[in-house]
N, C-alpha and C. Protein backbone atom coordinates (compact mmCIF):
# COMPACT_ATOMS: atom_id res chain seq x y z
N UNK A 1 -4.30 -62.14 25.86
CA UNK A 1 -4.24 -60.68 25.91
C UNK A 1 -4.50 -60.17 27.33
N UNK A 2 -3.86 -59.08 27.69
CA UNK A 2 -4.00 -58.51 29.04
C UNK A 2 -5.36 -57.85 29.20
N UNK A 3 -5.84 -57.84 30.42
CA UNK A 3 -7.19 -57.36 30.71
C UNK A 3 -7.29 -55.84 30.63
N UNK A 4 -6.26 -55.13 31.05
CA UNK A 4 -6.34 -53.67 31.08
C UNK A 4 -4.99 -53.02 30.77
N UNK A 5 -5.00 -51.80 30.22
CA UNK A 5 -3.75 -51.07 29.98
C UNK A 5 -2.94 -50.85 31.25
N UNK A 6 -3.65 -50.64 32.36
CA UNK A 6 -2.99 -50.42 33.66
C UNK A 6 -2.13 -51.63 34.03
N UNK A 7 -2.67 -52.82 33.82
CA UNK A 7 -1.95 -54.06 34.12
C UNK A 7 -0.70 -54.17 33.24
N UNK A 8 -0.86 -53.82 31.97
CA UNK A 8 0.26 -53.84 31.02
C UNK A 8 1.36 -52.88 31.46
N UNK A 9 0.97 -51.67 31.87
CA UNK A 9 1.92 -50.65 32.33
C UNK A 9 2.66 -51.14 33.57
N UNK A 10 1.94 -51.73 34.51
CA UNK A 10 2.55 -52.25 35.74
C UNK A 10 3.58 -53.34 35.41
N UNK A 11 3.24 -54.23 34.48
CA UNK A 11 4.17 -55.29 34.08
C UNK A 11 5.40 -54.72 33.39
N UNK A 12 5.18 -53.69 32.55
CA UNK A 12 6.29 -53.04 31.84
C UNK A 12 7.22 -52.35 32.83
N UNK A 13 6.65 -51.64 33.81
CA UNK A 13 7.44 -50.96 34.85
C UNK A 13 8.26 -51.98 35.64
N UNK A 14 7.62 -53.08 36.00
CA UNK A 14 8.30 -54.13 36.77
C UNK A 14 9.48 -54.70 35.99
N UNK A 15 9.25 -55.01 34.70
CA UNK A 15 10.31 -55.60 33.88
C UNK A 15 11.44 -54.60 33.60
N UNK A 16 11.09 -53.32 33.40
CA UNK A 16 12.12 -52.31 33.15
C UNK A 16 12.93 -52.03 34.42
N UNK A 17 12.26 -52.03 35.58
CA UNK A 17 12.96 -51.87 36.86
C UNK A 17 13.92 -53.03 37.09
N UNK A 18 13.49 -54.25 36.74
CA UNK A 18 14.31 -55.44 36.89
C UNK A 18 15.55 -55.34 36.00
N UNK A 19 15.35 -54.91 34.75
CA UNK A 19 16.47 -54.75 33.82
C UNK A 19 17.43 -53.67 34.30
N UNK A 20 16.88 -52.57 34.78
CA UNK A 20 17.69 -51.45 35.28
C UNK A 20 18.52 -51.87 36.49
N UNK A 21 17.90 -52.62 37.42
CA UNK A 21 18.63 -53.08 38.60
C UNK A 21 19.74 -54.06 38.22
N UNK A 22 19.48 -54.90 37.20
CA UNK A 22 20.52 -55.81 36.71
C UNK A 22 21.72 -55.05 36.15
N UNK A 23 21.44 -53.97 35.40
CA UNK A 23 22.51 -53.13 34.85
C UNK A 23 23.30 -52.48 35.98
N UNK A 24 22.59 -51.98 37.00
CA UNK A 24 23.25 -51.36 38.15
C UNK A 24 24.14 -52.35 38.88
N UNK A 25 23.63 -53.57 39.11
CA UNK A 25 24.40 -54.61 39.80
C UNK A 25 25.66 -54.95 39.00
N UNK A 26 25.51 -55.07 37.67
CA UNK A 26 26.64 -55.38 36.80
C UNK A 26 27.67 -54.26 36.84
N UNK A 27 27.20 -53.01 36.82
CA UNK A 27 28.09 -51.84 36.86
C UNK A 27 28.84 -51.80 38.19
N UNK A 28 28.14 -52.06 39.29
CA UNK A 28 28.76 -52.06 40.62
C UNK A 28 29.83 -53.16 40.70
N UNK A 29 29.54 -54.34 40.15
CA UNK A 29 30.51 -55.43 40.16
C UNK A 29 31.76 -55.07 39.37
N UNK A 30 31.57 -54.36 38.25
CA UNK A 30 32.71 -53.99 37.40
C UNK A 30 33.51 -52.82 37.96
N UNK A 31 32.80 -51.76 38.38
CA UNK A 31 33.44 -50.49 38.71
C UNK A 31 33.38 -50.11 40.19
N UNK A 32 32.51 -50.77 40.93
CA UNK A 32 32.29 -50.41 42.33
C UNK A 32 33.55 -50.48 43.16
N UNK A 33 34.31 -51.56 43.04
CA UNK A 33 35.51 -51.76 43.85
C UNK A 33 36.56 -50.69 43.54
N UNK A 34 36.75 -50.41 42.25
CA UNK A 34 37.70 -49.38 41.82
C UNK A 34 37.28 -48.02 42.36
N UNK A 35 35.98 -47.72 42.24
CA UNK A 35 35.44 -46.45 42.72
C UNK A 35 35.65 -46.29 44.22
N UNK A 36 35.38 -47.36 44.98
CA UNK A 36 35.57 -47.34 46.44
C UNK A 36 37.05 -47.10 46.78
N UNK A 37 37.95 -47.75 46.05
CA UNK A 37 39.39 -47.55 46.27
C UNK A 37 39.80 -46.11 46.03
N UNK A 38 39.26 -45.49 44.97
CA UNK A 38 39.55 -44.07 44.66
C UNK A 38 39.04 -43.18 45.79
N UNK A 39 37.81 -43.42 46.24
CA UNK A 39 37.20 -42.61 47.30
C UNK A 39 38.01 -42.74 48.59
N UNK A 40 38.37 -43.97 48.97
CA UNK A 40 39.15 -44.21 50.19
C UNK A 40 40.53 -43.56 50.05
N UNK A 41 41.15 -43.68 48.86
CA UNK A 41 42.44 -43.06 48.61
C UNK A 41 42.41 -41.55 48.78
N UNK A 42 41.37 -40.92 48.25
CA UNK A 42 41.21 -39.47 48.39
C UNK A 42 40.96 -39.09 49.84
N UNK A 43 40.16 -39.89 50.53
CA UNK A 43 39.86 -39.63 51.93
C UNK A 43 41.13 -39.69 52.78
N UNK A 44 42.00 -40.66 52.50
CA UNK A 44 43.25 -40.79 53.24
C UNK A 44 44.21 -39.65 52.92
N UNK A 45 44.18 -39.17 51.67
CA UNK A 45 45.03 -38.03 51.27
C UNK A 45 44.62 -36.76 52.00
N UNK A 46 43.32 -36.59 52.23
CA UNK A 46 42.80 -35.43 52.96
C UNK A 46 42.98 -35.69 54.46
């Protein structure tokens, strides 16, 4: 068992941040290149 609620909260924040960053990395890998192409395309049109 964990020693304090504070320690538990810190571990939960760390694990949730890790999961969130993994989701972001996955999203960037899937959609990032397409998004960049759209942005560059619009920039060239302007």
